[in-house]
Amino acid sequence: MTKKAVLFDLDDTLLWDERSIKEAFEATCMEAARVVDVDPEKLEEAVRMEARALYETYDFYPFTKMIGINPFEGLWGDFKAGDLVDFRKMQEIVPTYRKDAWTNGLKKLGVDHAELGAKLAELFPAERRQRPIIYEETYAVLEQLKGKYKLLLLTNGSPDLQQEKLSGVPTLASYFDHIVISGQFGEGKPKASIFQYAMEQLQITADEGVMVGDKLTTDILGANGVGMDSVWLNRHHATRNDEIIPTYEIENLNELLRILAEQS
């Protein structure tokens, strides 16, 4: 059937969030290395490990998995928006979480320096906010699709953090007819409910839409679950098993144009 709408994931589909986080870690860890004798790469590895471990101890952790907020977003997000009670828990705890993650990372390398840990915890969010990086082909592809298809951004995450990411590239949101954020809706991908809600906003049936995203376990699984065609954006040539099978697989967003043209 001819497609009427394209649903896009945000992080690491249109925005290069992985690179933004990586560069923020590199800059922050280099600052640490100017103060104490640590290897920046080893510090990054240690802080990532400590952040993941600490994040999983909080009672809001199941909520973050469901909404789609990863430990590294916890290292720079404020979580002041959103009506759900777990956002208030996150808002209260994340300042301590950040300090502990960085302080524990330093300790793992033999550096007991709580003051530096607190400084790095404040530096990392600033470094991340300076890096709103978008993929080279994002705007060109959206420009080709705008006006020919209804476009919807379907992103997991907290309302204020996802909005801040969009504000960092202020022209991006204007391409979309609708923006659906899991933290506002109350459930995240791959839940069928959020895909059904997105289709209601677009006024389409499942076979009239296509979901484009980089994560098999959220974007592709969710689309498959409601009977919608799915396009897995596999930029890094990851190997998949046959548990979650996308309708299409591409390495670059430009390839999406060909897929849509074949269905018109």
Protein backbone atom coordinates (compact mmCIF):
# COMPACT_ATOMS: atom_id res chain seq x y z
CA MET A 1 0.00 0.00 0.00
CA THR A 2 1.12 3.56 -0.71
CA LYS A 3 2.55 5.14 2.42
CA LYS A 4 0.97 8.29 3.79
CA ALA A 5 3.17 8.89 6.83
CA VAL A 6 6.70 8.38 8.11
CA LEU A 7 7.43 8.06 11.82
CA PHE A 8 10.98 8.86 12.93
CA ASP A 9 12.92 8.07 16.06
CA LEU A 10 15.09 10.97 17.31
CA ASP A 11 18.25 9.84 19.13
CA ASP A 12 20.87 8.26 16.87
CA THR A 13 18.43 8.35 13.99
CA LEU A 14 18.17 12.07 13.27
CA LEU A 15 20.35 13.41 16.09
CA TRP A 16 23.79 11.91 16.68
CA ASP A 17 23.32 11.58 20.43
CA GLU A 18 25.93 8.87 20.84
CA ARG A 19 28.62 11.20 19.49
CA SER A 20 27.42 14.11 21.63
CA ILE A 21 27.73 12.00 24.77
CA LYS A 22 31.11 10.59 23.71
CA GLU A 23 32.58 14.03 23.08
CA ALA A 24 31.18 15.36 26.36
CA PHE A 25 32.84 12.47 28.21
CA GLU A 26 36.13 13.10 26.42
CA ALA A 27 36.14 16.81 27.27
CA THR A 28 35.18 16.21 30.91
CA CYS A 29 37.73 13.45 31.41
CA MET A 30 40.47 15.58 29.87
CA GLU A 31 39.68 18.25 32.44
CA ALA A 32 40.02 15.63 35.18
CA ALA A 33 43.41 14.61 33.77
CA ARG A 34 44.60 18.22 34.08
CA VAL A 35 43.87 18.12 37.80
CA VAL A 36 44.89 14.60 38.82
CA ASP A 37 46.94 11.78 37.33
CA VAL A 38 44.32 9.72 35.50
CA ASP A 39 44.02 8.27 32.01
CA PRO A 40 41.02 10.06 30.39
CA GLU A 41 39.92 6.97 28.47
CA LYS A 42 40.05 4.78 31.56
CA LEU A 43 38.13 7.40 33.54
CA GLU A 44 35.39 7.51 30.92
CA GLU A 45 35.12 3.73 31.03
CA ALA A 46 35.00 3.75 34.83
CA VAL A 47 32.37 6.49 35.05
CA ARG A 48 30.18 4.80 32.46
CA MET A 49 30.39 1.56 34.44
CA GLU A 50 29.69 3.25 37.78
CA ALA A 51 26.83 5.29 36.33
CA ARG A 52 25.12 2.19 34.95
CA ALA A 53 25.52 0.28 38.21
CA LEU A 54 24.27 3.16 40.36
CA TYR A 55 21.35 3.94 38.04
CA GLU A 56 20.04 0.40 38.40
CA THR A 57 19.82 0.74 42.20
CA TYR A 58 17.15 3.45 42.16
CA ASP A 59 13.51 2.55 42.54
CA PHE A 60 12.67 4.60 39.45
CA TYR A 61 14.93 2.40 37.27
CA PRO A 62 12.05 0.25 35.88
CA PHE A 63 10.28 3.49 34.95
CA THR A 64 13.32 4.79 33.09
CA LYS A 65 13.54 1.54 31.10
CA MET A 66 9.87 1.79 30.18
CA ILE A 67 10.04 5.48 29.18
CA GLY A 68 13.49 5.12 27.61
CA ILE A 69 15.90 7.26 29.68
CA ASN A 70 19.41 5.84 29.77
CA PRO A 71 22.01 6.32 32.54
CA PHE A 72 23.99 8.88 30.55
CA GLU A 73 20.93 11.07 30.05
CA GLY A 74 20.67 10.96 33.82
CA LEU A 75 24.14 12.50 33.95
CA TRP A 76 22.95 15.72 32.27
CA GLY A 77 19.14 15.91 32.31
CA ASP A 78 17.18 17.92 34.91
CA PHE A 79 13.82 16.07 34.66
CA LYS A 80 11.82 19.07 35.83
CA ALA A 81 8.96 18.49 33.39
CA GLY A 82 6.47 15.63 33.12
CA ASP A 83 3.46 14.84 35.27
CA LEU A 84 4.50 11.33 36.28
CA VAL A 85 5.67 10.95 39.88
CA ASP A 86 8.88 9.19 38.90
CA PHE A 87 10.10 12.37 37.19
CA ARG A 88 9.94 14.12 40.56
CA LYS A 89 11.99 11.32 42.08
CA MET A 90 14.53 11.67 39.31
CA GLN A 91 14.64 15.44 39.67
CA GLU A 92 15.47 15.03 43.35
CA ILE A 93 18.07 12.28 42.99
CA VAL A 94 20.02 13.08 39.80
CA PRO A 95 22.27 15.78 41.33
CA THR A 96 23.57 13.24 43.83
CA TYR A 97 23.66 10.53 41.17
CA ARG A 98 25.93 12.64 39.00
CA LYS A 99 28.34 13.45 41.80
CA ASP A 100 28.46 9.84 42.96
CA ALA A 101 28.98 8.47 39.43
CA TRP A 102 31.97 10.72 38.80
CA THR A 103 33.39 10.38 42.32
CA ASN A 104 33.07 6.59 42.19
CA GLY A 105 34.67 6.55 38.75
CA LEU A 106 37.66 8.43 40.11
CA LYS A 107 37.87 6.07 43.09
CA LYS A 108 37.92 3.10 40.74
CA LEU A 109 41.17 4.53 39.37
CA GLY A 110 42.59 5.11 42.84
CA VAL A 111 41.69 8.80 43.13
CA ASP A 112 39.63 9.71 46.22
CA HIS A 113 38.59 13.27 45.38
CA ALA A 114 34.95 14.13 46.11
CA GLU A 115 35.47 17.81 45.30
CA LEU A 116 36.72 16.98 41.82
CA GLY A 117 33.89 14.47 41.37
CA ALA A 118 31.38 17.23 42.12
CA LYS A 119 33.11 19.59 39.68
CA LEU A 120 33.10 17.01 36.88
CA ALA A 121 29.42 16.26 37.59
CA GLU A 122 28.65 19.90 36.77
CA LEU A 123 31.03 20.10 33.82
CA PHE A 124 29.64 17.10 31.95
CA PRO A 125 26.11 18.56 31.47
CA ALA A 126 27.64 21.82 30.22
CA GLU A 127 29.84 19.96 27.75
CA ARG A 128 26.90 17.88 26.51
CA ARG A 129 24.74 20.95 26.00
CA GLN A 130 27.40 22.47 23.77
CA ARG A 131 27.14 19.54 21.37
CA PRO A 132 23.77 19.31 19.57
CA ILE A 133 25.06 17.19 16.68
CA ILE A 134 22.82 16.22 13.78
CA TYR A 135 23.59 13.68 11.07
CA GLU A 136 24.77 15.17 7.79
CA GLU A 137 21.85 13.83 5.72
CA THR A 138 19.03 14.50 8.20
CA TYR A 139 17.81 17.84 6.85
CA ALA A 140 18.14 16.84 3.21
CA VAL A 141 16.01 13.73 3.72
CA LEU A 142 13.35 15.56 5.73
CA GLU A 143 13.25 18.26 3.06
CA GLN A 144 12.52 15.60 0.44
CA LEU A 145 9.71 14.10 2.54
CA LYS A 146 8.05 17.26 3.83
CA GLY A 147 4.80 17.89 1.98
CA LYS A 148 4.74 14.43 0.40
CA TYR A 149 4.11 12.53 3.66
CA LYS A 150 2.79 13.28 7.09
CA LEU A 151 5.79 13.27 9.42
CA LEU A 152 5.76 12.35 13.10
CA LEU A 153 8.63 12.27 15.58
CA LEU A 154 8.20 9.36 18.00
CA THR A 155 10.85 9.52 20.70
CA ASN A 156 11.42 7.84 24.03
CA GLY A 157 12.63 10.04 26.88
CA SER A 158 11.72 12.73 29.35
CA PRO A 159 9.71 15.71 28.04
CA ASP A 160 12.19 18.44 28.97
CA LEU A 161 15.32 16.57 27.90
CA GLN A 162 13.94 15.59 24.49
CA GLN A 163 12.65 19.12 24.00
CA GLU A 164 16.07 20.49 24.93
CA LYS A 165 17.68 18.26 22.32
CA LEU A 166 15.25 19.61 19.72
CA SER A 167 15.87 23.18 20.82
CA GLY A 168 19.57 22.62 20.22
CA VAL A 169 18.79 22.23 16.50
CA PRO A 170 15.87 24.68 16.32
CA THR A 171 14.77 24.06 12.73
CA LEU A 172 14.33 20.30 13.16
CA ALA A 173 10.93 20.34 14.88
CA SER A 174 9.39 22.41 12.09
CA TYR A 175 9.52 19.43 9.72
CA PHE A 176 7.09 17.40 11.84
CA ASP A 177 3.32 17.50 11.92
CA HIS A 178 3.35 15.88 15.36
CA ILE A 179 5.90 15.16 18.08
CA VAL A 180 5.17 12.35 20.54
CA ILE A 181 7.45 11.96 23.57
CA SER A 182 7.08 8.86 25.73
CA GLY A 183 7.48 10.81 28.98
CA GLN A 184 4.45 12.90 28.09
CA PHE A 185 2.40 10.00 26.80
CA GLY A 186 3.13 7.74 29.80
CA GLU A 187 4.51 4.69 27.98
CA GLY A 188 7.42 4.23 25.63
CA LYS A 189 8.35 2.25 22.55
CA PRO A 190 7.90 -0.67 21.93
CA LYS A 191 4.50 -0.49 23.67
CA ALA A 192 1.67 -0.80 21.17
CA SER A 193 -0.23 2.00 22.89
CA ILE A 194 2.22 4.73 21.91
CA PHE A 195 2.26 3.57 18.29
CA GLN A 196 -1.52 3.50 18.23
CA TYR A 197 -1.61 7.00 19.67
CA ALA A 198 0.83 8.17 16.99
CA MET A 199 -1.38 6.68 14.28
CA GLU A 200 -4.40 8.44 15.74
CA GLN A 201 -2.57 11.76 15.53
CA LEU A 202 -1.68 11.07 11.90
CA GLN A 203 -5.12 9.64 11.10
CA ILE A 204 -3.61 6.61 9.39
CA THR A 205 -3.82 2.85 9.64
CA ALA A 206 -0.73 0.77 10.34
CA ASP A 207 -0.22 -0.21 6.72
CA GLU A 208 -0.21 3.45 5.69
CA GLY A 209 2.82 4.27 7.82
CA VAL A 210 6.47 3.31 8.19
CA MET A 211 8.64 3.58 11.31
CA VAL A 212 12.31 4.53 10.96
CA GLY A 213 14.72 4.00 13.84
CA ASP A 214 18.07 2.67 14.99
CA LYS A 215 16.92 0.37 17.82
CA LEU A 216 15.54 -3.07 17.10
CA THR A 217 14.15 -3.50 20.62
CA THR A 218 12.09 -0.30 20.59
CA ASP A 219 11.53 1.18 17.14
CA ILE A 220 11.41 -2.00 15.10
CA LEU A 221 9.78 -4.30 17.66
CA GLY A 222 7.10 -1.71 18.36
CA ALA A 223 6.27 -1.12 14.71
CA ASN A 224 6.21 -4.83 13.97
CA GLY A 225 3.86 -5.33 16.90
CA VAL A 226 1.17 -3.10 15.42
CA GLY A 227 1.63 -4.33 11.85
CA MET A 228 3.51 -1.31 10.55
CA ASP A 229 6.44 -1.54 8.14
CA SER A 230 9.74 -0.89 9.89
CA VAL A 231 13.06 0.46 8.64
CA TRP A 232 16.09 -0.37 10.75
CA LEU A 233 18.80 2.27 10.43
CA ASN A 234 21.92 0.19 11.00
CA ARG A 235 24.68 2.78 10.66
CA HIS A 236 27.28 0.69 12.48
CA HIS A 237 26.74 -2.59 10.64
CA ALA A 238 25.53 -4.38 13.75
CA THR A 239 24.69 -8.06 13.48
CA ARG A 240 21.15 -9.02 14.39
CA ASN A 241 19.55 -12.35 15.14
CA ASP A 242 16.14 -13.38 13.83
CA GLU A 243 14.19 -12.50 16.97
CA ILE A 244 13.31 -9.02 15.66
CA ILE A 245 13.21 -8.72 11.89
CA PRO A 246 12.76 -5.30 10.27
CA THR A 247 10.87 -4.93 7.01
CA TYR A 248 13.86 -3.05 5.60
CA GLU A 249 17.44 -2.39 6.69
CA ILE A 250 19.46 0.65 5.64
CA GLU A 251 22.85 2.14 6.51
CA ASN A 252 22.04 5.76 5.74
CA LEU A 253 18.85 7.82 5.85
CA ASN A 254 19.19 8.60 2.16
CA GLU A 255 18.28 4.97 1.40
CA LEU A 256 14.85 5.59 2.91
CA LEU A 257 13.93 7.74 -0.09
CA ARG A 258 14.35 4.80 -2.44
CA ILE A 259 12.20 2.53 -0.26
CA LEU A 260 9.40 5.07 -0.16
CA ALA A 261 9.63 5.75 -3.89
CA GLU A 262 9.17 2.06 -4.61
CA GLN A 263 5.92 2.07 -2.64
CA SER A 264 4.41 5.16 -4.24
